[in-house]
Amino acid sequence: MATKDATVADLQKQFEGSTAVLLTEYRGLTVGELRKLRNSIREHATYAVAKNTLTKIAANNAGITAFDEHLAGPSAIAFVHGDPVAVAKGLRDFAKANPLLVVKAGFFDGKPLTAAEVQKLADLESREVLLAKAAGAMKASLFSAAQLFNALPSGVARAAGALRDKQEAAN
C-alpha cells in the first residue's frame, strides 16, 4: 500500500509540474522501442508507464479529469516540462514509424485535448519558427512605416514645388 501511495504522490507531482500531459497507448511495443521513444522526447518530457487506477487517482488529485474515460489498456503518460509542440511532434513521428503507439488524449493550458487536437498541436511550427515569423512581420511593418515617414517630407516638398511652378506660370 505504501508503494502505491508513493506512486500516486509521484504521479500527482508530475501532473502538477507539467506544462502539458499527453496520454498514449503502447500496446505491442517492445522495451527497446519504448526506450527509443523516451530518448526521442527526453529533452522536453518524461515518459512514464503507470497503472491506470493509480494514474486516474493522481490526475484527479491534481485536478485533471480529462483522462478518466481514456484510461483503459496499457497506458503511458508523457509529462511535458519543455515545449509541448516538440513532444507532440516526437510522439507523432514515432507513431508513424511504430503504428502501435496511439495518442489517446492530452491536457494543455488547463484544457483537455482530444487525440485530433494533439495531432493539430504536433502540426504547429516550433516556437522558434513562430517567433522568427512574428519578428519578421514586425520588422517589415516597421520598415514600411519608416518608408512612409520618409516619403511624407519629400511628397510635401514636391507638392510645394509644383504649386510654386504653377503660380509662376500663371504670373
N, C-alpha and C. Protein backbone atom coordinates (compact mmCIF):
# COMPACT_ATOMS: atom_id res chain seq x y z
N MET A 1 0.82 -1.19 0.00
CA MET A 1 0.00 0.00 0.00
C MET A 1 0.86 1.26 0.00
N ALA A 2 1.97 1.20 0.75
CA ALA A 2 2.85 2.37 0.84
C ALA A 2 3.45 2.69 -0.52
N THR A 3 3.80 1.67 -1.29
CA THR A 3 4.39 1.94 -2.61
C THR A 3 3.35 2.53 -3.55
N LYS A 4 2.09 2.09 -3.43
CA LYS A 4 1.04 2.66 -4.27
C LYS A 4 0.82 4.13 -3.92
N ASP A 5 0.82 4.43 -2.62
CA ASP A 5 0.66 5.82 -2.19
C ASP A 5 1.82 6.67 -2.69
N ALA A 6 3.02 6.13 -2.64
CA ALA A 6 4.19 6.85 -3.13
C ALA A 6 4.11 7.07 -4.64
N THR A 7 3.63 6.05 -5.35
CA THR A 7 3.48 6.18 -6.80
C THR A 7 2.45 7.24 -7.15
N VAL A 8 1.32 7.23 -6.45
CA VAL A 8 0.28 8.25 -6.68
C VAL A 8 0.84 9.64 -6.39
N ALA A 9 1.56 9.78 -5.29
CA ALA A 9 2.13 11.08 -4.93
C ALA A 9 3.12 11.55 -5.99
N ASP A 10 3.95 10.63 -6.49
CA ASP A 10 4.92 10.98 -7.53
C ASP A 10 4.21 11.38 -8.82
N LEU A 11 3.21 10.61 -9.21
CA LEU A 11 2.46 10.93 -10.43
C LEU A 11 1.73 12.27 -10.28
N GLN A 12 1.15 12.50 -9.11
CA GLN A 12 0.44 13.77 -8.88
C GLN A 12 1.40 14.94 -9.00
N LYS A 13 2.59 14.79 -8.43
CA LYS A 13 3.60 15.84 -8.52
C LYS A 13 3.97 16.11 -9.98
N GLN A 14 4.08 15.04 -10.77
CA GLN A 14 4.41 15.21 -12.19
C GLN A 14 3.26 15.88 -12.95
N PHE A 15 2.01 15.49 -12.65
CA PHE A 15 0.86 16.15 -13.28
C PHE A 15 0.87 17.64 -12.97
N GLU A 16 1.10 17.98 -11.70
CA GLU A 16 1.05 19.38 -11.27
C GLU A 16 2.22 20.20 -11.81
N GLY A 17 3.36 19.55 -12.05
CA GLY A 17 4.53 20.28 -12.51
C GLY A 17 4.73 20.30 -14.01
N SER A 18 3.78 19.79 -14.76
CA SER A 18 3.93 19.69 -16.21
C SER A 18 3.20 20.81 -16.93
N THR A 19 3.80 21.28 -18.03
CA THR A 19 3.14 22.29 -18.86
C THR A 19 2.05 21.66 -19.72
N ALA A 20 2.19 20.37 -20.00
CA ALA A 20 1.20 19.60 -20.75
C ALA A 20 1.38 18.14 -20.39
N VAL A 21 0.33 17.36 -20.61
CA VAL A 21 0.38 15.92 -20.36
C VAL A 21 -0.29 15.23 -21.54
N LEU A 22 0.40 14.24 -22.10
CA LEU A 22 -0.15 13.51 -23.25
C LEU A 22 -0.26 12.03 -22.89
N LEU A 23 -1.44 11.47 -23.09
CA LEU A 23 -1.71 10.08 -22.74
C LEU A 23 -1.64 9.23 -24.00
N THR A 24 -0.90 8.13 -23.92
CA THR A 24 -0.74 7.24 -25.08
C THR A 24 -1.05 5.80 -24.70
N GLU A 25 -1.29 5.00 -25.73
CA GLU A 25 -1.40 3.55 -25.57
C GLU A 25 -0.19 2.95 -26.28
N TYR A 26 0.48 2.05 -25.61
CA TYR A 26 1.72 1.48 -26.16
C TYR A 26 1.61 -0.02 -26.40
N ARG A 27 0.41 -0.55 -26.48
CA ARG A 27 0.18 -1.99 -26.63
C ARG A 27 1.01 -2.55 -27.79
N GLY A 28 1.84 -3.56 -27.49
CA GLY A 28 2.61 -4.24 -28.53
C GLY A 28 4.01 -3.68 -28.76
N LEU A 29 4.34 -2.55 -28.17
CA LEU A 29 5.69 -2.00 -28.33
C LEU A 29 6.67 -2.75 -27.43
N THR A 30 7.87 -2.95 -27.93
CA THR A 30 8.89 -3.64 -27.15
C THR A 30 9.55 -2.66 -26.18
N VAL A 31 10.29 -3.21 -25.24
CA VAL A 31 11.03 -2.37 -24.29
C VAL A 31 12.02 -1.49 -25.05
N GLY A 32 12.67 -2.03 -26.07
CA GLY A 32 13.61 -1.26 -26.87
C GLY A 32 12.94 -0.10 -27.59
N GLU A 33 11.75 -0.34 -28.12
CA GLU A 33 11.01 0.72 -28.80
C GLU A 33 10.58 1.81 -27.82
N LEU A 34 10.15 1.40 -26.63
CA LEU A 34 9.79 2.39 -25.61
C LEU A 34 11.01 3.21 -25.19
N ARG A 35 12.18 2.57 -25.13
CA ARG A 35 13.41 3.29 -24.80
C ARG A 35 13.72 4.33 -25.87
N LYS A 36 13.56 3.95 -27.15
CA LYS A 36 13.78 4.91 -28.25
C LYS A 36 12.82 6.08 -28.14
N LEU A 37 11.57 5.79 -27.82
CA LEU A 37 10.57 6.86 -27.67
C LEU A 37 10.96 7.79 -26.53
N ARG A 38 11.33 7.21 -25.38
CA ARG A 38 11.75 8.05 -24.25
C ARG A 38 12.92 8.94 -24.63
N ASN A 39 13.89 8.36 -25.33
CA ASN A 39 15.07 9.14 -25.73
C ASN A 39 14.71 10.24 -26.71
N SER A 40 13.73 10.00 -27.58
CA SER A 40 13.38 11.00 -28.60
C SER A 40 12.68 12.22 -28.01
N ILE A 41 12.03 12.07 -26.85
CA ILE A 41 11.33 13.22 -26.26
C ILE A 41 11.95 13.66 -24.93
N ARG A 42 13.07 13.06 -24.57
CA ARG A 42 13.70 13.30 -23.27
C ARG A 42 13.99 14.78 -22.98
N GLU A 43 14.35 15.54 -24.00
CA GLU A 43 14.71 16.95 -23.80
C GLU A 43 13.54 17.76 -23.24
N HIS A 44 12.32 17.39 -23.61
CA HIS A 44 11.15 18.19 -23.24
C HIS A 44 10.15 17.46 -22.36
N ALA A 45 10.32 16.15 -22.15
CA ALA A 45 9.29 15.41 -21.41
C ALA A 45 9.85 14.16 -20.74
N THR A 46 9.08 13.67 -19.78
CA THR A 46 9.34 12.40 -19.13
C THR A 46 8.21 11.47 -19.55
N TYR A 47 8.57 10.27 -20.01
CA TYR A 47 7.57 9.31 -20.47
C TYR A 47 7.48 8.18 -19.46
N ALA A 48 6.32 8.02 -18.84
CA ALA A 48 6.17 7.06 -17.75
C ALA A 48 5.03 6.09 -18.01
N VAL A 49 5.26 4.84 -17.65
CA VAL A 49 4.22 3.81 -17.69
C VAL A 49 3.74 3.63 -16.25
N ALA A 50 2.43 3.71 -16.06
CA ALA A 50 1.87 3.54 -14.72
C ALA A 50 0.52 2.84 -14.81
N LYS A 51 0.12 2.24 -13.71
CA LYS A 51 -1.19 1.57 -13.68
C LYS A 51 -2.29 2.61 -13.87
N ASN A 52 -3.31 2.23 -14.62
CA ASN A 52 -4.40 3.15 -14.92
C ASN A 52 -5.12 3.67 -13.67
N THR A 53 -5.35 2.79 -12.70
CA THR A 53 -6.06 3.23 -11.49
C THR A 53 -5.24 4.26 -10.72
N LEU A 54 -3.93 4.04 -10.63
CA LEU A 54 -3.06 4.99 -9.93
C LEU A 54 -2.96 6.30 -10.70
N THR A 55 -2.90 6.20 -12.03
CA THR A 55 -2.86 7.39 -12.87
C THR A 55 -4.13 8.21 -12.70
N LYS A 56 -5.27 7.53 -12.68
CA LYS A 56 -6.55 8.23 -12.52
C LYS A 56 -6.62 8.95 -11.18
N ILE A 57 -6.20 8.28 -10.12
CA ILE A 57 -6.22 8.90 -8.78
C ILE A 57 -5.31 10.12 -8.76
N ALA A 58 -4.09 9.97 -9.28
CA ALA A 58 -3.13 11.08 -9.27
C ALA A 58 -3.63 12.25 -10.11
N ALA A 59 -4.18 11.96 -11.29
CA ALA A 59 -4.69 13.02 -12.16
C ALA A 59 -5.84 13.75 -11.48
N ASN A 60 -6.76 12.99 -10.89
CA ASN A 60 -7.89 13.62 -10.20
C ASN A 60 -7.42 14.46 -9.01
N ASN A 61 -6.43 13.97 -8.27
CA ASN A 61 -5.87 14.74 -7.16
C ASN A 61 -5.24 16.05 -7.65
N ALA A 62 -4.73 16.03 -8.88
CA ALA A 62 -4.12 17.22 -9.47
C ALA A 62 -5.16 18.10 -10.18
N GLY A 63 -6.43 17.68 -10.14
CA GLY A 63 -7.48 18.47 -10.76
C GLY A 63 -7.68 18.21 -12.24
N ILE A 64 -7.16 17.08 -12.73
CA ILE A 64 -7.28 16.74 -14.15
C ILE A 64 -8.19 15.53 -14.29
N THR A 65 -9.34 15.74 -14.91
CA THR A 65 -10.28 14.64 -15.12
C THR A 65 -10.37 14.26 -16.60
N ALA A 66 -9.52 14.86 -17.41
CA ALA A 66 -9.59 14.66 -18.87
C ALA A 66 -9.29 13.23 -19.29
N PHE A 67 -8.58 12.48 -18.46
CA PHE A 67 -8.14 11.15 -18.87
C PHE A 67 -9.03 10.02 -18.37
N ASP A 68 -10.01 10.33 -17.55
CA ASP A 68 -10.82 9.29 -16.91
C ASP A 68 -11.35 8.26 -17.91
N GLU A 69 -11.92 8.70 -19.01
CA GLU A 69 -12.52 7.77 -19.98
C GLU A 69 -11.48 7.11 -20.88
N HIS A 70 -10.25 7.60 -20.86
CA HIS A 70 -9.21 7.06 -21.75
C HIS A 70 -8.28 6.08 -21.06
N LEU A 71 -8.44 5.90 -19.77
CA LEU A 71 -7.53 5.03 -19.02
C LEU A 71 -8.00 3.58 -19.07
N ALA A 72 -7.76 2.97 -20.21
CA ALA A 72 -8.06 1.55 -20.42
C ALA A 72 -6.95 0.98 -21.28
N GLY A 73 -6.57 -0.24 -21.00
CA GLY A 73 -5.47 -0.83 -21.76
C GLY A 73 -4.14 -0.30 -21.28
N PRO A 74 -3.06 -0.73 -21.91
CA PRO A 74 -1.72 -0.28 -21.49
C PRO A 74 -1.51 1.20 -21.83
N SER A 75 -1.44 2.02 -20.80
CA SER A 75 -1.32 3.47 -20.99
C SER A 75 0.02 3.97 -20.46
N ALA A 76 0.54 4.97 -21.14
CA ALA A 76 1.75 5.65 -20.70
C ALA A 76 1.52 7.15 -20.85
N ILE A 77 2.22 7.92 -20.04
CA ILE A 77 2.00 9.35 -20.00
C ILE A 77 3.29 10.09 -20.31
N ALA A 78 3.18 11.09 -21.19
CA ALA A 78 4.29 12.00 -21.45
C ALA A 78 4.04 13.25 -20.62
N PHE A 79 4.85 13.44 -19.58
CA PHE A 79 4.77 14.64 -18.75
C PHE A 79 5.70 15.68 -19.38
N VAL A 80 5.13 16.72 -19.96
CA VAL A 80 5.90 17.71 -20.70
C VAL A 80 6.40 18.78 -19.75
N HIS A 81 7.73 18.99 -19.78
CA HIS A 81 8.34 20.03 -18.95
C HIS A 81 8.94 21.13 -19.82
N GLY A 82 8.95 20.91 -21.13
CA GLY A 82 9.50 21.89 -22.06
C GLY A 82 8.46 22.28 -23.09
N ASP A 83 8.81 22.15 -24.35
CA ASP A 83 7.95 22.57 -25.46
C ASP A 83 6.92 21.49 -25.78
N PRO A 84 5.63 21.75 -25.54
CA PRO A 84 4.59 20.74 -25.83
C PRO A 84 4.50 20.39 -27.31
N VAL A 85 4.78 21.36 -28.17
CA VAL A 85 4.72 21.11 -29.62
C VAL A 85 5.80 20.10 -30.00
N ALA A 86 6.99 20.26 -29.45
CA ALA A 86 8.09 19.34 -29.76
C ALA A 86 7.76 17.92 -29.31
N VAL A 87 7.14 17.79 -28.16
CA VAL A 87 6.77 16.45 -27.66
C VAL A 87 5.67 15.85 -28.52
N ALA A 88 4.67 16.65 -28.87
CA ALA A 88 3.59 16.15 -29.74
C ALA A 88 4.16 15.71 -31.09
N LYS A 89 5.11 16.49 -31.62
CA LYS A 89 5.77 16.11 -32.88
C LYS A 89 6.55 14.80 -32.70
N GLY A 90 7.26 14.68 -31.58
CA GLY A 90 8.03 13.47 -31.31
C GLY A 90 7.14 12.24 -31.24
N LEU A 91 6.00 12.36 -30.57
CA LEU A 91 5.06 11.24 -30.49
C LEU A 91 4.47 10.93 -31.86
N ARG A 92 4.11 11.97 -32.61
CA ARG A 92 3.55 11.76 -33.94
C ARG A 92 4.55 11.06 -34.85
N ASP A 93 5.79 11.54 -34.85
CA ASP A 93 6.81 10.94 -35.71
C ASP A 93 7.11 9.50 -35.31
N PHE A 94 7.16 9.24 -34.00
CA PHE A 94 7.40 7.88 -33.54
C PHE A 94 6.23 6.98 -33.94
N ALA A 95 5.00 7.48 -33.84
CA ALA A 95 3.81 6.70 -34.19
C ALA A 95 3.77 6.39 -35.69
N LYS A 96 4.34 7.28 -36.52
CA LYS A 96 4.40 7.00 -37.96
C LYS A 96 5.27 5.78 -38.22
N ALA A 97 6.40 5.70 -37.51
CA ALA A 97 7.31 4.58 -37.68
C ALA A 97 6.85 3.34 -36.90
N ASN A 98 6.10 3.55 -35.83
CA ASN A 98 5.62 2.46 -34.97
C ASN A 98 4.12 2.65 -34.73
N PRO A 99 3.29 2.18 -35.64
CA PRO A 99 1.85 2.43 -35.54
C PRO A 99 1.18 1.84 -34.30
N LEU A 100 1.90 1.04 -33.53
CA LEU A 100 1.33 0.50 -32.30
C LEU A 100 1.18 1.58 -31.22
N LEU A 101 1.92 2.68 -31.35
CA LEU A 101 1.78 3.79 -30.41
C LEU A 101 0.58 4.62 -30.85
N VAL A 102 -0.36 4.82 -29.93
CA VAL A 102 -1.56 5.59 -30.23
C VAL A 102 -1.70 6.70 -29.19
N VAL A 103 -1.83 7.93 -29.66
CA VAL A 103 -2.09 9.05 -28.75
C VAL A 103 -3.58 9.04 -28.44
N LYS A 104 -3.91 8.97 -27.16
CA LYS A 104 -5.32 8.89 -26.74
C LYS A 104 -5.92 10.26 -26.43
N ALA A 105 -5.18 11.08 -25.69
CA ALA A 105 -5.71 12.36 -25.24
C ALA A 105 -4.57 13.21 -24.71
N GLY A 106 -4.90 14.43 -24.34
CA GLY A 106 -3.90 15.32 -23.78
C GLY A 106 -4.54 16.34 -22.85
N PHE A 107 -3.68 17.08 -22.19
CA PHE A 107 -4.12 18.15 -21.30
C PHE A 107 -3.09 19.25 -21.43
N PHE A 108 -3.54 20.44 -21.87
CA PHE A 108 -2.61 21.53 -22.13
C PHE A 108 -3.29 22.85 -21.81
N ASP A 109 -2.59 23.72 -21.12
CA ASP A 109 -3.09 25.06 -20.83
C ASP A 109 -4.43 25.02 -20.09
N GLY A 110 -4.58 24.04 -19.20
CA GLY A 110 -5.79 23.93 -18.40
C GLY A 110 -6.99 23.33 -19.12
N LYS A 111 -6.77 22.81 -20.32
CA LYS A 111 -7.89 22.28 -21.10
C LYS A 111 -7.58 20.86 -21.58
N PRO A 112 -8.61 20.00 -21.61
CA PRO A 112 -8.42 18.66 -22.17
C PRO A 112 -8.29 18.72 -23.69
N LEU A 113 -7.49 17.83 -24.25
CA LEU A 113 -7.30 17.74 -25.69
C LEU A 113 -7.69 16.36 -26.18
N THR A 114 -8.35 16.31 -27.32
CA THR A 114 -8.64 15.03 -27.96
C THR A 114 -7.39 14.59 -28.71
N ALA A 115 -7.39 13.37 -29.20
CA ALA A 115 -6.26 12.89 -30.00
C ALA A 115 -6.08 13.76 -31.24
N ALA A 116 -7.18 14.20 -31.85
CA ALA A 116 -7.10 15.06 -33.04
C ALA A 116 -6.49 16.41 -32.70
N GLU A 117 -6.79 16.94 -31.53
CA GLU A 117 -6.22 18.22 -31.11
C GLU A 117 -4.73 18.08 -30.81
N VAL A 118 -4.32 16.94 -30.28
CA VAL A 118 -2.89 16.69 -30.06
C VAL A 118 -2.19 16.64 -31.42
N GLN A 119 -2.84 16.04 -32.41
CA GLN A 119 -2.28 16.00 -33.77
C GLN A 119 -2.13 17.42 -34.33
N LYS A 120 -3.11 18.28 -34.11
CA LYS A 120 -3.02 19.67 -34.56
C LYS A 120 -1.86 20.38 -33.86
N LEU A 121 -1.68 20.08 -32.58
CA LEU A 121 -0.57 20.65 -31.83
C LEU A 121 0.75 20.21 -32.45
N ALA A 122 0.83 18.95 -32.86
CA ALA A 122 2.04 18.43 -33.49
C ALA A 122 2.29 19.07 -34.85
N ASP A 123 1.23 19.50 -35.52
CA ASP A 123 1.37 20.11 -36.83
C ASP A 123 1.80 21.57 -36.77
N LEU A 124 1.76 22.17 -35.58
CA LEU A 124 2.22 23.56 -35.44
C LEU A 124 3.72 23.64 -35.69
N GLU A 125 4.13 24.81 -36.13
CA GLU A 125 5.58 25.01 -36.28
C GLU A 125 6.18 25.22 -34.89
N SER A 126 7.47 25.04 -34.79
CA SER A 126 8.13 25.16 -33.50
C SER A 126 8.04 26.60 -32.99
N ARG A 127 8.22 26.75 -31.70
CA ARG A 127 8.15 28.06 -31.06
C ARG A 127 9.15 29.03 -31.70
N GLU A 128 10.34 28.53 -31.99
CA GLU A 128 11.38 29.38 -32.57
C GLU A 128 10.97 29.88 -33.96
N VAL A 129 10.38 29.01 -34.77
CA VAL A 129 9.94 29.41 -36.11
C VAL A 129 8.82 30.43 -36.01
N LEU A 130 7.86 30.21 -35.11
CA LEU A 130 6.76 31.17 -34.94
C LEU A 130 7.27 32.52 -34.46
N LEU A 131 8.24 32.52 -33.54
CA LEU A 131 8.82 33.78 -33.07
C LEU A 131 9.57 34.48 -34.19
N ALA A 132 10.29 33.72 -35.01
CA ALA A 132 11.02 34.32 -36.13
C ALA A 132 10.05 34.94 -37.13
N LYS A 133 8.94 34.27 -37.39
CA LYS A 133 7.93 34.82 -38.31
C LYS A 133 7.33 36.10 -37.75
N ALA A 134 7.03 36.10 -36.45
CA ALA A 134 6.46 37.30 -35.83
C ALA A 134 7.46 38.45 -35.88
N ALA A 135 8.73 38.15 -35.60
CA ALA A 135 9.76 39.19 -35.66
C ALA A 135 9.90 39.72 -37.09
N GLY A 136 9.85 38.84 -38.06
CA GLY A 136 9.94 39.26 -39.46
C GLY A 136 8.77 40.15 -39.85
N ALA A 137 7.58 39.80 -39.39
CA ALA A 137 6.40 40.61 -39.70
C ALA A 137 6.50 41.98 -39.04
N MET A 138 6.99 42.02 -37.81
CA MET A 138 7.15 43.32 -37.13
C MET A 138 8.22 44.15 -37.82
N LYS A 139 9.30 43.52 -38.24
CA LYS A 139 10.37 44.24 -38.92
C LYS A 139 9.85 44.82 -40.23
N ALA A 140 9.07 44.03 -40.97
CA ALA A 140 8.51 44.51 -42.23
C ALA A 140 7.56 45.68 -41.98
N SER A 141 6.76 45.61 -40.92
CA SER A 141 5.84 46.70 -40.59
C SER A 141 6.61 47.96 -40.23
N LEU A 142 7.67 47.80 -39.45
CA LEU A 142 8.49 48.96 -39.08
C LEU A 142 9.17 49.56 -40.30
N PHE A 143 9.65 48.71 -41.21
CA PHE A 143 10.29 49.19 -42.43
C PHE A 143 9.29 49.98 -43.27
N SER A 144 8.07 49.46 -43.40
CA SER A 144 7.03 50.15 -44.17
C SER A 144 6.70 51.49 -43.54
N ALA A 145 6.61 51.53 -42.21
CA ALA A 145 6.31 52.79 -41.52
C ALA A 145 7.45 53.79 -41.73
N ALA A 146 8.69 53.31 -41.68
CA ALA A 146 9.83 54.20 -41.89
C ALA A 146 9.81 54.77 -43.30
N GLN A 147 9.49 53.94 -44.28
CA GLN A 147 9.40 54.44 -45.66
C GLN A 147 8.30 55.48 -45.80
N LEU A 148 7.18 55.26 -45.15
CA LEU A 148 6.07 56.20 -45.20
C LEU A 148 6.48 57.54 -44.60
N PHE A 149 7.13 57.50 -43.43
CA PHE A 149 7.56 58.74 -42.80
C PHE A 149 8.62 59.46 -43.62
N ASN A 150 9.49 58.72 -44.28
CA ASN A 150 10.50 59.34 -45.15
C ASN A 150 9.85 59.93 -46.39
N ALA A 151 8.78 59.31 -46.87
CA ALA A 151 8.12 59.79 -48.08
C ALA A 151 7.30 61.05 -47.82
N LEU A 152 6.81 61.25 -46.62
CA LEU A 152 5.97 62.42 -46.32
C LEU A 152 6.69 63.75 -46.59
N PRO A 153 7.89 63.99 -46.05
CA PRO A 153 8.55 65.29 -46.32
C PRO A 153 8.86 65.50 -47.81
N SER A 154 9.31 64.45 -48.48
CA SER A 154 9.63 64.63 -49.90
C SER A 154 8.36 64.86 -50.71
N GLY A 155 7.25 64.23 -50.32
CA GLY A 155 5.98 64.45 -51.01
C GLY A 155 5.50 65.88 -50.81
N VAL A 156 5.65 66.41 -49.59
CA VAL A 156 5.26 67.80 -49.32
C VAL A 156 6.14 68.75 -50.13
N ALA A 157 7.43 68.45 -50.20
CA ALA A 157 8.35 69.31 -50.97
C ALA A 157 7.98 69.29 -52.45
N ARG A 158 7.65 68.13 -53.00
CA ARG A 158 7.25 68.04 -54.42
C ARG A 158 5.95 68.82 -54.66
N ALA A 159 5.00 68.69 -53.74
CA ALA A 159 3.73 69.41 -53.89
C ALA A 159 3.94 70.91 -53.83
N ALA A 160 4.81 71.36 -52.91
CA ALA A 160 5.11 72.79 -52.80
C ALA A 160 5.81 73.29 -54.06
N GLY A 161 6.72 72.48 -54.59
CA GLY A 161 7.42 72.86 -55.83
C GLY A 161 6.46 72.94 -57.00
N ALA A 162 5.54 72.00 -57.10
CA ALA A 162 4.56 72.02 -58.19
C ALA A 162 3.64 73.23 -58.05
N LEU A 163 3.24 73.57 -56.83
CA LEU A 163 2.39 74.74 -56.61
C LEU A 163 3.13 76.02 -56.99
N ARG A 164 4.42 76.11 -56.63
CA ARG A 164 5.23 77.29 -56.97
C ARG A 164 5.35 77.41 -58.48
N ASP A 165 5.63 76.27 -59.16
CA ASP A 165 5.75 76.29 -60.62
C ASP A 165 4.43 76.73 -61.26
N LYS A 166 3.32 76.27 -60.72
CA LYS A 166 2.01 76.62 -61.27
C LYS A 166 1.73 78.11 -61.08
N GLN A 167 2.11 78.66 -59.90
CA GLN A 167 1.89 80.08 -59.64
C GLN A 167 2.78 80.93 -60.53
N GLU A 168 4.03 80.49 -60.75
CA GLU A 168 4.94 81.24 -61.63
C GLU A 168 4.43 81.23 -63.06
N ALA A 169 3.87 80.10 -63.50
CA ALA A 169 3.35 80.00 -64.86
C ALA A 169 2.11 80.88 -65.01
N ALA A 170 1.35 81.04 -63.95
CA ALA A 170 0.15 81.87 -64.01
C ALA A 170 0.51 83.34 -64.04
N ASN A 171 1.65 83.72 -63.52
CA ASN A 171 2.08 85.13 -63.49
C ASN A 171 2.77 85.42 -64.74
